[in-house]
Amino acid sequence: MRWRNAALGMALLLVGCNGAQRYDQAICALIDVSGTYADEKREAVAHLKREILPNMVPGDTLIVIRIDSESYEKENVEALLTLDARPSHANAQKLALARRLDAFAEGAVASEFTDIPGAMMLGAEYLSEVGAGSRVMLIFSDMREELPKGSLRPMGEREFEGIQVIAMNVKQLTEDTANPDVFRRRIAAWEERVTARGALGWRTLMDSSKLPDYLAQIR
């Protein structure tokens, strides 16, 4: 694993020098802290520490955004990190980020409403600004949107242009288990919504162990 990461890191440096295709990857993880999903926050952070952080290489970026009642706020960015080109510095950054994620996981933050689109719009803006060769948005949520009264989230036609969107470990609600078609319709509606606004693709992953291979595939 070490030699593979070192080789990829060197490739990233060479790419940056000659202007060829970029292989850096920016990942934006949206973590729901509202309603029934608030109890899943620790598990979502565990996935980031297990499936994302170890596989990041110099030049990669990780953004973590909190989904709450008003998610389109800079204060909802829990972490933003681009790994240094120097491996020793990058490893120190990973350790510091892991500690920050642990603090977020343990924090007593919960919200009444679920502003998923606001977090997605904010995440898309950060991913666009990073401009990595591969841009990915991970959503840890039950995918049931509930906005506060008066909140509007009109998405642009190209809101998710160039972004792969992945719904991770989507929690099934009581009504979903009573009638699985309710769950399937909700997921299908989100797929239609994001692909209609320029996303490169949409998929759901219930088995987080498959995430590293998929991220390597789309890098």
N, C-alpha and C. Protein backbone atom coordinates (compact mmCIF):
# COMPACT_ATOMS: atom_id res chain seq x y z
N MET A 1 0.83 -1.20 0.00
CA MET A 1 0.00 0.00 0.00
C MET A 1 0.87 1.26 0.00
N ARG A 2 2.00 1.23 0.79
CA ARG A 2 2.84 2.42 0.86
C ARG A 2 3.48 2.74 -0.48
N TRP A 3 3.97 1.68 -1.17
CA TRP A 3 4.62 1.96 -2.45
C TRP A 3 3.62 2.45 -3.47
N ARG A 4 2.36 1.94 -3.39
CA ARG A 4 1.35 2.37 -4.36
C ARG A 4 1.01 3.84 -4.13
N ASN A 5 0.87 4.24 -2.86
CA ASN A 5 0.56 5.63 -2.56
C ASN A 5 1.71 6.56 -2.96
N ALA A 6 2.95 6.09 -2.72
CA ALA A 6 4.11 6.91 -3.09
C ALA A 6 4.18 7.10 -4.60
N ALA A 7 3.91 6.02 -5.33
CA ALA A 7 3.95 6.10 -6.78
C ALA A 7 2.88 7.04 -7.31
N LEU A 8 1.70 6.93 -6.73
CA LEU A 8 0.61 7.79 -7.17
C LEU A 8 0.91 9.24 -6.83
N GLY A 9 1.50 9.46 -5.64
CA GLY A 9 1.86 10.82 -5.26
C GLY A 9 2.86 11.42 -6.23
N MET A 10 3.85 10.62 -6.65
CA MET A 10 4.83 11.11 -7.63
C MET A 10 4.15 11.41 -8.96
N ALA A 11 3.20 10.57 -9.34
CA ALA A 11 2.46 10.80 -10.58
C ALA A 11 1.71 12.12 -10.53
N LEU A 12 1.13 12.43 -9.36
CA LEU A 12 0.40 13.68 -9.21
C LEU A 12 1.33 14.87 -9.38
N LEU A 13 2.55 14.77 -8.84
CA LEU A 13 3.49 15.85 -8.97
C LEU A 13 3.90 16.06 -10.43
N LEU A 14 4.12 14.96 -11.12
CA LEU A 14 4.49 15.05 -12.52
C LEU A 14 3.37 15.63 -13.36
N VAL A 15 2.15 15.23 -13.05
CA VAL A 15 1.00 15.76 -13.77
C VAL A 15 0.91 17.26 -13.60
N GLY A 16 1.13 17.71 -12.33
CA GLY A 16 1.06 19.14 -12.08
C GLY A 16 2.13 19.91 -12.85
N CYS A 17 3.26 19.26 -13.13
CA CYS A 17 4.36 19.94 -13.82
C CYS A 17 4.14 20.03 -15.31
N ASN A 18 3.57 18.98 -15.90
CA ASN A 18 3.50 18.98 -17.36
C ASN A 18 2.13 19.36 -17.90
N GLY A 19 1.16 19.66 -17.00
CA GLY A 19 -0.14 20.12 -17.46
C GLY A 19 -1.00 19.04 -18.08
N ALA A 20 -0.63 17.78 -17.91
CA ALA A 20 -1.40 16.68 -18.49
C ALA A 20 -2.62 16.41 -17.62
N GLN A 21 -3.29 15.30 -17.89
CA GLN A 21 -4.49 14.95 -17.14
C GLN A 21 -4.22 14.90 -15.65
N ARG A 22 -5.18 15.42 -14.86
CA ARG A 22 -5.02 15.43 -13.42
C ARG A 22 -5.59 14.15 -12.82
N TYR A 23 -4.92 13.66 -11.76
CA TYR A 23 -5.37 12.46 -11.08
C TYR A 23 -5.67 12.72 -9.60
N ASP A 24 -5.65 14.00 -9.22
CA ASP A 24 -6.02 14.30 -7.84
C ASP A 24 -7.53 14.16 -7.70
N GLN A 25 -7.97 13.87 -6.48
CA GLN A 25 -9.39 13.61 -6.23
C GLN A 25 -9.87 14.48 -5.07
N ALA A 26 -11.01 15.11 -5.26
CA ALA A 26 -11.64 15.89 -4.21
C ALA A 26 -12.94 15.20 -3.80
N ILE A 27 -13.09 14.94 -2.51
CA ILE A 27 -14.25 14.25 -1.99
C ILE A 27 -14.95 15.16 -0.99
N CYS A 28 -16.24 15.36 -1.19
CA CYS A 28 -17.04 16.14 -0.27
C CYS A 28 -18.04 15.20 0.39
N ALA A 29 -17.92 15.05 1.71
CA ALA A 29 -18.81 14.16 2.46
C ALA A 29 -19.83 14.99 3.23
N LEU A 30 -21.10 14.73 2.98
CA LEU A 30 -22.19 15.41 3.66
C LEU A 30 -22.75 14.46 4.72
N ILE A 31 -22.78 14.90 5.97
CA ILE A 31 -23.22 14.03 7.06
C ILE A 31 -24.44 14.63 7.75
N ASP A 32 -25.53 13.88 7.73
CA ASP A 32 -26.80 14.30 8.29
C ASP A 32 -26.76 14.23 9.82
N VAL A 33 -27.15 15.33 10.48
CA VAL A 33 -27.23 15.32 11.95
C VAL A 33 -28.65 15.64 12.41
N SER A 34 -29.63 15.37 11.54
CA SER A 34 -31.01 15.71 11.87
C SER A 34 -31.83 14.45 12.15
N GLY A 35 -32.88 14.62 12.93
CA GLY A 35 -33.87 13.58 13.13
C GLY A 35 -33.28 12.24 13.48
N THR A 36 -33.78 11.21 12.78
CA THR A 36 -33.38 9.84 13.09
C THR A 36 -31.95 9.54 12.65
N TYR A 37 -31.37 10.35 11.77
CA TYR A 37 -30.03 10.04 11.28
C TYR A 37 -28.93 10.55 12.21
N ALA A 38 -29.29 11.42 13.16
CA ALA A 38 -28.27 11.98 14.05
C ALA A 38 -27.49 10.89 14.77
N ASP A 39 -28.15 9.78 15.07
CA ASP A 39 -27.48 8.67 15.77
C ASP A 39 -26.47 7.95 14.89
N GLU A 40 -26.48 8.22 13.58
CA GLU A 40 -25.58 7.55 12.65
C GLU A 40 -24.29 8.35 12.42
N LYS A 41 -24.17 9.49 13.08
CA LYS A 41 -23.03 10.37 12.82
C LYS A 41 -21.69 9.68 13.10
N ARG A 42 -21.60 8.97 14.22
CA ARG A 42 -20.35 8.29 14.55
C ARG A 42 -19.99 7.26 13.49
N GLU A 43 -20.99 6.54 13.01
CA GLU A 43 -20.73 5.52 11.99
C GLU A 43 -20.27 6.15 10.69
N ALA A 44 -20.87 7.28 10.32
CA ALA A 44 -20.46 7.98 9.10
C ALA A 44 -19.01 8.43 9.21
N VAL A 45 -18.63 8.98 10.36
CA VAL A 45 -17.24 9.40 10.56
C VAL A 45 -16.31 8.19 10.51
N ALA A 46 -16.74 7.08 11.08
CA ALA A 46 -15.93 5.87 11.03
C ALA A 46 -15.65 5.44 9.60
N HIS A 47 -16.65 5.58 8.73
CA HIS A 47 -16.45 5.25 7.32
C HIS A 47 -15.40 6.16 6.69
N LEU A 48 -15.45 7.45 7.01
CA LEU A 48 -14.47 8.37 6.45
C LEU A 48 -13.06 7.99 6.90
N LYS A 49 -12.92 7.65 8.17
CA LYS A 49 -11.60 7.30 8.71
C LYS A 49 -11.11 5.95 8.19
N ARG A 50 -12.03 5.08 7.86
CA ARG A 50 -11.64 3.73 7.44
C ARG A 50 -11.50 3.61 5.92
N GLU A 51 -12.44 4.19 5.19
CA GLU A 51 -12.46 4.00 3.73
C GLU A 51 -11.89 5.17 2.93
N ILE A 52 -11.81 6.35 3.52
CA ILE A 52 -11.37 7.52 2.77
C ILE A 52 -9.96 7.96 3.15
N LEU A 53 -9.75 8.31 4.40
CA LEU A 53 -8.46 8.87 4.82
C LEU A 53 -7.25 8.02 4.46
N PRO A 54 -7.27 6.69 4.71
CA PRO A 54 -6.07 5.90 4.41
C PRO A 54 -5.70 5.87 2.93
N ASN A 55 -6.68 6.11 2.06
CA ASN A 55 -6.44 6.00 0.63
C ASN A 55 -6.21 7.35 -0.05
N MET A 56 -6.24 8.43 0.72
CA MET A 56 -5.93 9.73 0.15
C MET A 56 -4.43 9.87 -0.07
N VAL A 57 -4.07 10.53 -1.15
CA VAL A 57 -2.65 10.74 -1.47
C VAL A 57 -2.40 12.24 -1.60
N PRO A 58 -1.11 12.67 -1.56
CA PRO A 58 -0.81 14.10 -1.69
C PRO A 58 -1.53 14.74 -2.87
N GLY A 59 -2.16 15.87 -2.61
CA GLY A 59 -2.93 16.57 -3.64
C GLY A 59 -4.42 16.34 -3.53
N ASP A 60 -4.83 15.26 -2.86
CA ASP A 60 -6.26 14.97 -2.68
C ASP A 60 -6.87 15.93 -1.65
N THR A 61 -8.17 16.13 -1.77
CA THR A 61 -8.89 17.05 -0.89
C THR A 61 -10.09 16.34 -0.26
N LEU A 62 -10.33 16.62 1.02
CA LEU A 62 -11.52 16.13 1.70
C LEU A 62 -12.25 17.31 2.34
N ILE A 63 -13.54 17.39 2.05
CA ILE A 63 -14.41 18.41 2.63
C ILE A 63 -15.52 17.69 3.36
N VAL A 64 -15.79 18.08 4.59
CA VAL A 64 -16.88 17.47 5.36
C VAL A 64 -17.88 18.56 5.73
N ILE A 65 -19.13 18.35 5.35
CA ILE A 65 -20.18 19.34 5.57
C ILE A 65 -21.32 18.73 6.37
N ARG A 66 -21.80 19.46 7.33
CA ARG A 66 -22.90 19.02 8.20
C ARG A 66 -24.25 19.34 7.55
N ILE A 67 -25.12 18.35 7.49
CA ILE A 67 -26.50 18.56 7.04
C ILE A 67 -27.36 18.81 8.27
N ASP A 68 -27.91 20.03 8.36
CA ASP A 68 -28.80 20.34 9.47
C ASP A 68 -29.98 21.16 8.95
N SER A 69 -30.56 22.01 9.76
CA SER A 69 -31.76 22.76 9.35
C SER A 69 -31.46 23.82 8.30
N GLU A 70 -30.28 24.41 8.34
CA GLU A 70 -29.87 25.43 7.37
C GLU A 70 -28.46 25.10 6.92
N SER A 71 -28.35 24.25 5.92
CA SER A 71 -27.05 23.67 5.56
C SER A 71 -26.22 24.54 4.63
N TYR A 72 -26.84 25.54 4.00
CA TYR A 72 -26.10 26.37 3.05
C TYR A 72 -25.41 27.51 3.81
N GLU A 73 -24.52 27.13 4.69
CA GLU A 73 -23.77 28.08 5.51
C GLU A 73 -22.32 27.62 5.59
N LYS A 74 -21.38 28.55 5.50
CA LYS A 74 -19.97 28.20 5.62
C LYS A 74 -19.66 27.56 6.95
N GLU A 75 -20.44 27.92 7.98
CA GLU A 75 -20.24 27.33 9.31
C GLU A 75 -20.53 25.84 9.33
N ASN A 76 -21.21 25.34 8.31
CA ASN A 76 -21.52 23.91 8.24
C ASN A 76 -20.34 23.08 7.74
N VAL A 77 -19.28 23.74 7.31
CA VAL A 77 -18.08 23.02 6.88
C VAL A 77 -17.31 22.59 8.13
N GLU A 78 -17.32 21.30 8.40
CA GLU A 78 -16.66 20.76 9.58
C GLU A 78 -15.17 20.54 9.34
N ALA A 79 -14.78 20.31 8.10
CA ALA A 79 -13.37 20.08 7.77
C ALA A 79 -13.13 20.38 6.30
N LEU A 80 -11.95 20.92 6.02
CA LEU A 80 -11.54 21.19 4.64
C LEU A 80 -10.03 21.05 4.60
N LEU A 81 -9.57 20.07 3.83
CA LEU A 81 -8.15 19.77 3.83
C LEU A 81 -7.69 19.28 2.46
N THR A 82 -6.59 19.87 1.97
CA THR A 82 -5.90 19.36 0.79
C THR A 82 -4.54 18.85 1.26
N LEU A 83 -4.24 17.61 0.96
CA LEU A 83 -2.99 17.01 1.46
C LEU A 83 -1.77 17.62 0.80
N ASP A 84 -0.78 17.89 1.63
CA ASP A 84 0.50 18.44 1.19
C ASP A 84 1.21 17.46 0.27
N ALA A 85 2.03 18.01 -0.64
CA ALA A 85 2.78 17.15 -1.57
C ALA A 85 3.85 16.33 -0.86
N ARG A 86 4.27 16.79 0.33
CA ARG A 86 5.29 16.05 1.08
C ARG A 86 4.60 14.97 1.93
N PRO A 87 4.94 13.70 1.68
CA PRO A 87 4.25 12.60 2.38
C PRO A 87 4.25 12.72 3.89
N SER A 88 5.36 13.15 4.48
CA SER A 88 5.41 13.25 5.95
C SER A 88 4.41 14.29 6.45
N HIS A 89 4.30 15.40 5.74
CA HIS A 89 3.35 16.43 6.11
C HIS A 89 1.92 15.93 5.88
N ALA A 90 1.72 15.21 4.79
CA ALA A 90 0.39 14.68 4.49
C ALA A 90 -0.07 13.72 5.58
N ASN A 91 0.83 12.89 6.08
CA ASN A 91 0.46 11.95 7.15
C ASN A 91 0.08 12.70 8.43
N ALA A 92 0.80 13.76 8.73
CA ALA A 92 0.47 14.57 9.91
C ALA A 92 -0.90 15.23 9.73
N GLN A 93 -1.18 15.67 8.52
CA GLN A 93 -2.49 16.27 8.24
C GLN A 93 -3.61 15.26 8.44
N LYS A 94 -3.38 14.03 8.00
CA LYS A 94 -4.39 12.99 8.16
C LYS A 94 -4.69 12.73 9.63
N LEU A 95 -3.65 12.67 10.45
CA LEU A 95 -3.83 12.43 11.88
C LEU A 95 -4.63 13.57 12.52
N ALA A 96 -4.29 14.81 12.15
CA ALA A 96 -4.99 15.96 12.70
C ALA A 96 -6.46 15.96 12.26
N LEU A 97 -6.70 15.59 11.01
CA LEU A 97 -8.07 15.55 10.51
C LEU A 97 -8.87 14.45 11.21
N ALA A 98 -8.24 13.31 11.46
CA ALA A 98 -8.91 12.23 12.17
C ALA A 98 -9.36 12.68 13.55
N ARG A 99 -8.51 13.44 14.23
CA ARG A 99 -8.88 13.95 15.56
C ARG A 99 -10.04 14.94 15.46
N ARG A 100 -10.02 15.75 14.42
CA ARG A 100 -11.11 16.71 14.24
C ARG A 100 -12.43 16.00 13.94
N LEU A 101 -12.37 14.95 13.14
CA LEU A 101 -13.56 14.18 12.84
C LEU A 101 -14.10 13.47 14.09
N ASP A 102 -13.20 13.00 14.94
CA ASP A 102 -13.62 12.37 16.19
C ASP A 102 -14.38 13.37 17.06
N ALA A 103 -13.87 14.61 17.12
CA ALA A 103 -14.54 15.64 17.91
C ALA A 103 -15.93 15.93 17.36
N PHE A 104 -16.05 15.97 16.04
CA PHE A 104 -17.35 16.18 15.41
C PHE A 104 -18.29 15.03 15.73
N ALA A 105 -17.78 13.81 15.67
CA ALA A 105 -18.61 12.63 15.93
C ALA A 105 -19.15 12.62 17.34
N GLU A 106 -18.35 13.11 18.28
CA GLU A 106 -18.75 13.08 19.68
C GLU A 106 -19.57 14.30 20.09
N GLY A 107 -19.60 15.31 19.25
CA GLY A 107 -20.33 16.53 19.59
C GLY A 107 -21.84 16.31 19.64
N ALA A 108 -22.49 17.02 20.55
CA ALA A 108 -23.95 16.86 20.73
C ALA A 108 -24.68 17.84 19.81
N VAL A 109 -24.58 17.59 18.51
CA VAL A 109 -25.23 18.45 17.52
C VAL A 109 -26.36 17.67 16.86
N ALA A 110 -27.56 18.22 16.92
CA ALA A 110 -28.71 17.61 16.26
C ALA A 110 -29.64 18.72 15.81
N SER A 111 -30.34 18.51 14.71
CA SER A 111 -31.21 19.55 14.18
C SER A 111 -32.61 19.01 13.93
N GLU A 112 -33.55 19.93 13.86
CA GLU A 112 -34.95 19.55 13.69
C GLU A 112 -35.29 19.25 12.24
N PHE A 113 -34.69 20.03 11.32
CA PHE A 113 -35.00 19.89 9.90
C PHE A 113 -33.81 19.30 9.14
N THR A 114 -34.04 18.96 7.87
CA THR A 114 -33.02 18.26 7.08
C THR A 114 -32.84 18.96 5.74
N ASP A 115 -31.90 19.88 5.70
CA ASP A 115 -31.64 20.66 4.48
C ASP A 115 -30.57 19.96 3.64
N ILE A 116 -30.97 18.88 2.99
CA ILE A 116 -30.04 18.13 2.13
C ILE A 116 -29.59 18.96 0.92
N PRO A 117 -30.52 19.59 0.18
CA PRO A 117 -30.08 20.33 -1.01
C PRO A 117 -29.15 21.49 -0.69
N GLY A 118 -29.37 22.16 0.46
CA GLY A 118 -28.47 23.25 0.82
C GLY A 118 -27.04 22.77 1.00
N ALA A 119 -26.87 21.62 1.66
CA ALA A 119 -25.54 21.05 1.84
C ALA A 119 -24.94 20.62 0.51
N MET A 120 -25.77 20.08 -0.36
CA MET A 120 -25.29 19.65 -1.67
C MET A 120 -24.84 20.85 -2.51
N MET A 121 -25.60 21.93 -2.45
CA MET A 121 -25.22 23.13 -3.21
C MET A 121 -23.92 23.72 -2.68
N LEU A 122 -23.78 23.77 -1.36
CA LEU A 122 -22.54 24.27 -0.77
C LEU A 122 -21.37 23.37 -1.13
N GLY A 123 -21.57 22.07 -1.04
CA GLY A 123 -20.52 21.12 -1.40
C GLY A 123 -20.11 21.23 -2.85
N ALA A 124 -21.09 21.42 -3.74
CA ALA A 124 -20.79 21.55 -5.17
C ALA A 124 -19.93 22.78 -5.43
N GLU A 125 -20.17 23.86 -4.69
CA GLU A 125 -19.37 25.07 -4.86
C GLU A 125 -17.93 24.84 -4.44
N TYR A 126 -17.74 24.16 -3.31
CA TYR A 126 -16.38 23.87 -2.86
C TYR A 126 -15.66 22.94 -3.84
N LEU A 127 -16.36 21.92 -4.32
CA LEU A 127 -15.74 21.00 -5.28
C LEU A 127 -15.35 21.71 -6.56
N SER A 128 -16.20 22.62 -7.02
CA SER A 128 -15.89 23.38 -8.22
C SER A 128 -14.66 24.25 -8.02
N GLU A 129 -14.54 24.83 -6.83
CA GLU A 129 -13.39 25.69 -6.53
C GLU A 129 -12.10 24.90 -6.47
N VAL A 130 -12.16 23.67 -5.92
CA VAL A 130 -10.97 22.83 -5.86
C VAL A 130 -10.49 22.47 -7.26
N GLY A 131 -11.44 22.12 -8.13
CA GLY A 131 -11.10 21.82 -9.52
C GLY A 131 -10.23 20.60 -9.71
N ALA A 132 -10.42 19.57 -8.91
CA ALA A 132 -9.62 18.35 -9.02
C ALA A 132 -9.98 17.55 -10.27
N GLY A 133 -9.11 16.61 -10.60
CA GLY A 133 -9.38 15.77 -11.77
C GLY A 133 -10.61 14.91 -11.59
N SER A 134 -10.87 14.49 -10.35
CA SER A 134 -12.05 13.68 -10.01
C SER A 134 -12.74 14.33 -8.83
N ARG A 135 -14.06 14.56 -8.95
CA ARG A 135 -14.81 15.21 -7.89
C ARG A 135 -15.98 14.31 -7.48
N VAL A 136 -16.09 14.06 -6.18
CA VAL A 136 -17.06 13.10 -5.66
C VAL A 136 -17.81 13.71 -4.49
N MET A 137 -19.12 13.47 -4.45
CA MET A 137 -19.93 13.90 -3.31
C MET A 137 -20.55 12.67 -2.67
N LEU A 138 -20.26 12.47 -1.38
CA LEU A 138 -20.83 11.37 -0.61
C LEU A 138 -21.91 11.93 0.30
N ILE A 139 -23.07 11.28 0.35
CA ILE A 139 -24.16 11.76 1.19
C ILE A 139 -24.52 10.67 2.20
N PHE A 140 -24.30 10.97 3.48
CA PHE A 140 -24.68 10.06 4.56
C PHE A 140 -25.98 10.59 5.16
N SER A 141 -27.10 9.98 4.81
CA SER A 141 -28.41 10.50 5.21
C SER A 141 -29.47 9.45 4.96
N ASP A 142 -30.68 9.70 5.48
CA ASP A 142 -31.81 8.85 5.09
C ASP A 142 -32.45 9.37 3.80
N MET A 143 -31.93 10.50 3.30
CA MET A 143 -32.35 11.11 2.03
C MET A 143 -33.79 11.62 2.05
N ARG A 144 -34.31 11.88 3.24
CA ARG A 144 -35.62 12.51 3.34
C ARG A 144 -35.43 13.98 3.65
N GLU A 145 -35.73 14.80 2.69
CA GLU A 145 -35.55 16.25 2.80
C GLU A 145 -36.72 16.89 3.56
N GLU A 146 -36.38 17.79 4.48
CA GLU A 146 -37.41 18.54 5.21
C GLU A 146 -36.85 19.92 5.53
N LEU A 147 -37.29 20.93 4.77
CA LEU A 147 -36.77 22.28 4.92
C LEU A 147 -37.61 23.09 5.91
N PRO A 148 -36.97 24.00 6.63
CA PRO A 148 -37.73 24.91 7.49
C PRO A 148 -38.65 25.79 6.65
N LYS A 149 -39.71 26.26 7.24
CA LYS A 149 -40.64 27.13 6.55
C LYS A 149 -39.92 28.37 6.03
N GLY A 150 -40.13 28.68 4.76
CA GLY A 150 -39.53 29.86 4.16
C GLY A 150 -38.21 29.61 3.46
N SER A 151 -37.61 28.44 3.65
CA SER A 151 -36.34 28.13 2.99
C SER A 151 -36.57 27.62 1.57
N LEU A 152 -35.81 28.15 0.63
CA LEU A 152 -35.90 27.72 -0.77
C LEU A 152 -34.52 27.27 -1.22
N ARG A 153 -34.49 26.23 -2.04
CA ARG A 153 -33.22 25.70 -2.52
C ARG A 153 -33.30 25.43 -4.03
N PRO A 154 -33.39 26.49 -4.84
CA PRO A 154 -33.44 26.29 -6.30
C PRO A 154 -32.06 25.92 -6.84
N MET A 155 -31.93 24.75 -7.41
CA MET A 155 -30.65 24.30 -7.93
C MET A 155 -30.49 24.71 -9.39
N GLY A 156 -29.26 25.11 -9.75
CA GLY A 156 -28.98 25.48 -11.12
C GLY A 156 -28.97 24.27 -12.05
N GLU A 157 -29.11 24.53 -13.33
CA GLU A 157 -29.16 23.45 -14.32
C GLU A 157 -27.88 22.63 -14.34
N ARG A 158 -26.74 23.27 -14.05
CA ARG A 158 -25.45 22.57 -14.06
C ARG A 158 -24.86 22.53 -12.65
N GLU A 159 -25.70 22.47 -11.65
CA GLU A 159 -25.28 22.53 -10.25
C GLU A 159 -24.21 21.49 -9.91
N PHE A 160 -24.35 20.27 -10.46
CA PHE A 160 -23.45 19.18 -10.09
C PHE A 160 -22.60 18.73 -11.28
N GLU A 161 -22.32 19.66 -12.16
CA GLU A 161 -21.54 19.33 -13.35
C GLU A 161 -20.16 18.78 -12.96
N GLY A 162 -19.83 17.62 -13.53
CA GLY A 162 -18.52 17.01 -13.29
C GLY A 162 -18.39 16.29 -11.97
N ILE A 163 -19.50 16.10 -11.25
CA ILE A 163 -19.45 15.47 -9.92
C ILE A 163 -20.14 14.12 -9.93
N GLN A 164 -19.48 13.13 -9.34
CA GLN A 164 -20.10 11.84 -9.09
C GLN A 164 -20.77 11.91 -7.72
N VAL A 165 -22.06 11.57 -7.66
CA VAL A 165 -22.81 11.65 -6.40
C VAL A 165 -23.11 10.23 -5.91
N ILE A 166 -22.78 9.97 -4.65
CA ILE A 166 -22.97 8.63 -4.06
C ILE A 166 -23.73 8.77 -2.75
N ALA A 167 -24.87 8.10 -2.65
CA ALA A 167 -25.61 8.04 -1.40
C ALA A 167 -25.10 6.84 -0.61
N MET A 168 -24.55 7.11 0.57
CA MET A 168 -23.88 6.07 1.35
C MET A 168 -24.74 5.59 2.52
N ASN A 169 -24.84 4.28 2.65
CA ASN A 169 -25.47 3.70 3.84
C ASN A 169 -26.79 4.40 4.18
N VAL A 170 -27.63 4.55 3.17
CA VAL A 170 -28.89 5.27 3.37
C VAL A 170 -29.75 4.54 4.41
N LYS A 171 -30.08 5.27 5.47
CA LYS A 171 -30.87 4.66 6.54
C LYS A 171 -32.32 4.52 6.11
N GLN A 172 -32.86 3.34 6.29
CA GLN A 172 -34.26 3.11 5.95
C GLN A 172 -35.15 3.50 7.11
N LEU A 173 -36.23 4.21 6.81
CA LEU A 173 -37.17 4.67 7.81
C LEU A 173 -38.25 3.63 8.05
N THR A 174 -39.07 3.87 9.05
CA THR A 174 -40.13 2.92 9.39
C THR A 174 -41.05 2.65 8.20
N GLU A 175 -41.41 3.73 7.49
CA GLU A 175 -42.29 3.56 6.34
C GLU A 175 -41.61 2.82 5.19
N ASP A 176 -40.27 2.88 5.16
CA ASP A 176 -39.54 2.15 4.12
C ASP A 176 -39.60 0.65 4.34
N THR A 177 -39.44 0.24 5.57
CA THR A 177 -39.49 -1.19 5.86
C THR A 177 -40.91 -1.74 5.72
N ALA A 178 -41.89 -0.88 5.97
CA ALA A 178 -43.28 -1.31 5.79
C ALA A 178 -43.61 -1.48 4.32
N ASN A 179 -43.01 -0.63 3.48
CA ASN A 179 -43.25 -0.68 2.04
C ASN A 179 -41.97 -0.27 1.31
N PRO A 180 -41.14 -1.22 0.89
CA PRO A 180 -39.86 -0.91 0.26
C PRO A 180 -39.98 0.00 -0.96
N ASP A 181 -41.13 0.02 -1.60
CA ASP A 181 -41.29 0.88 -2.77
C ASP A 181 -41.19 2.35 -2.40
N VAL A 182 -41.55 2.70 -1.16
CA VAL A 182 -41.41 4.09 -0.70
C VAL A 182 -39.94 4.49 -0.73
N PHE A 183 -39.10 3.62 -0.22
CA PHE A 183 -37.65 3.86 -0.21
C PHE A 183 -37.11 3.96 -1.64
N ARG A 184 -37.51 3.05 -2.48
CA ARG A 184 -37.00 3.03 -3.85
C ARG A 184 -37.43 4.26 -4.63
N ARG A 185 -38.64 4.72 -4.40
CA ARG A 185 -39.10 5.93 -5.09
C ARG A 185 -38.33 7.16 -4.62
N ARG A 186 -38.01 7.21 -3.33
CA ARG A 186 -37.27 8.35 -2.81
C ARG A 186 -35.86 8.40 -3.42
N ILE A 187 -35.21 7.26 -3.48
CA ILE A 187 -33.87 7.21 -4.07
C ILE A 187 -33.91 7.53 -5.56
N ALA A 188 -34.89 7.00 -6.27
CA ALA A 188 -35.03 7.26 -7.71
C ALA A 188 -35.27 8.75 -7.97
N ALA A 189 -36.04 9.39 -7.10
CA ALA A 189 -36.31 10.82 -7.27
C ALA A 189 -35.03 11.64 -7.12
N TRP A 190 -34.18 11.26 -6.17
CA TRP A 190 -32.91 11.96 -6.00
C TRP A 190 -32.00 11.74 -7.20
N GLU A 191 -31.97 10.51 -7.70
CA GLU A 191 -31.14 10.24 -8.88
C GLU A 191 -31.56 11.12 -10.05
N GLU A 192 -32.86 11.21 -10.28
CA GLU A 192 -33.36 12.05 -11.37
C GLU A 192 -33.00 13.51 -11.14
N ARG A 193 -33.10 13.92 -9.91
CA ARG A 193 -32.85 15.32 -9.57
C ARG A 193 -31.40 15.73 -9.81
N VAL A 194 -30.44 14.91 -9.39
CA VAL A 194 -29.04 15.30 -9.52
C VAL A 194 -28.51 15.10 -10.94
N THR A 195 -28.95 14.04 -11.61
CA THR A 195 -28.48 13.83 -12.98
C THR A 195 -29.07 14.88 -13.93
N ALA A 196 -30.27 15.37 -13.62
CA ALA A 196 -30.86 16.42 -14.44
C ALA A 196 -30.10 17.74 -14.28
N ARG A 197 -29.28 17.83 -13.25
CA ARG A 197 -28.52 19.05 -13.00
C ARG A 197 -27.02 18.82 -13.19
N GLY A 198 -26.70 17.91 -14.09
CA GLY A 198 -25.34 17.80 -14.59
C GLY A 198 -24.42 16.80 -13.93
N ALA A 199 -24.88 16.06 -12.92
CA ALA A 199 -24.00 15.10 -12.26
C ALA A 199 -23.49 14.06 -13.26
N LEU A 200 -22.22 13.68 -13.10
CA LEU A 200 -21.66 12.64 -13.97
C LEU A 200 -22.34 11.30 -13.75
N GLY A 201 -22.80 11.08 -12.53
CA GLY A 201 -23.46 9.82 -12.23
C GLY A 201 -24.02 9.83 -10.82
N TRP A 202 -24.86 8.87 -10.54
CA TRP A 202 -25.48 8.68 -9.22
C TRP A 202 -25.47 7.20 -8.90
N ARG A 203 -25.14 6.89 -7.69
CA ARG A 203 -25.27 5.51 -7.26
C ARG A 203 -25.44 5.46 -5.75
N THR A 204 -25.97 4.35 -5.27
CA THR A 204 -26.07 4.12 -3.84
C THR A 204 -25.14 2.97 -3.48
N LEU A 205 -24.50 3.11 -2.32
CA LEU A 205 -23.63 2.05 -1.81
C LEU A 205 -24.08 1.69 -0.40
N MET A 206 -24.55 0.47 -0.23
CA MET A 206 -24.94 0.01 1.09
C MET A 206 -23.77 -0.67 1.80
N ASP A 207 -22.80 -1.14 1.03
CA ASP A 207 -21.62 -1.81 1.57
C ASP A 207 -20.43 -0.86 1.44
N SER A 208 -20.06 -0.20 2.53
CA SER A 208 -19.02 0.82 2.47
C SER A 208 -17.64 0.25 2.10
N SER A 209 -17.45 -1.05 2.28
CA SER A 209 -16.15 -1.65 1.95
C SER A 209 -15.85 -1.58 0.45
N LYS A 210 -16.89 -1.34 -0.35
CA LYS A 210 -16.71 -1.24 -1.80
C LYS A 210 -16.30 0.17 -2.23
N LEU A 211 -16.37 1.11 -1.31
CA LEU A 211 -16.10 2.49 -1.67
C LEU A 211 -14.66 2.74 -2.14
N PRO A 212 -13.62 2.24 -1.45
CA PRO A 212 -12.26 2.52 -1.92
C PRO A 212 -12.01 2.09 -3.36
N ASP A 213 -12.47 0.90 -3.73
CA ASP A 213 -12.28 0.43 -5.10
C ASP A 213 -13.01 1.32 -6.09
N TYR A 214 -14.20 1.76 -5.73
CA TYR A 214 -14.97 2.61 -6.65
C TYR A 214 -14.28 3.96 -6.82
N LEU A 215 -13.80 4.54 -5.72
CA LEU A 215 -13.12 5.83 -5.81
C LEU A 215 -11.85 5.71 -6.65
N ALA A 216 -11.13 4.60 -6.51
CA ALA A 216 -9.92 4.40 -7.34
C ALA A 216 -10.31 4.27 -8.80
N GLN A 217 -11.43 3.65 -9.06
CA GLN A 217 -11.89 3.44 -10.45
C GLN A 217 -12.22 4.76 -11.14
N ILE A 218 -12.79 5.71 -10.40
CA ILE A 218 -13.21 6.97 -11.03
C ILE A 218 -12.19 8.09 -10.86
N ARG A 219 -11.06 7.77 -10.29
CA ARG A 219 -10.02 8.81 -10.08
C ARG A 219 -9.52 9.34 -11.42
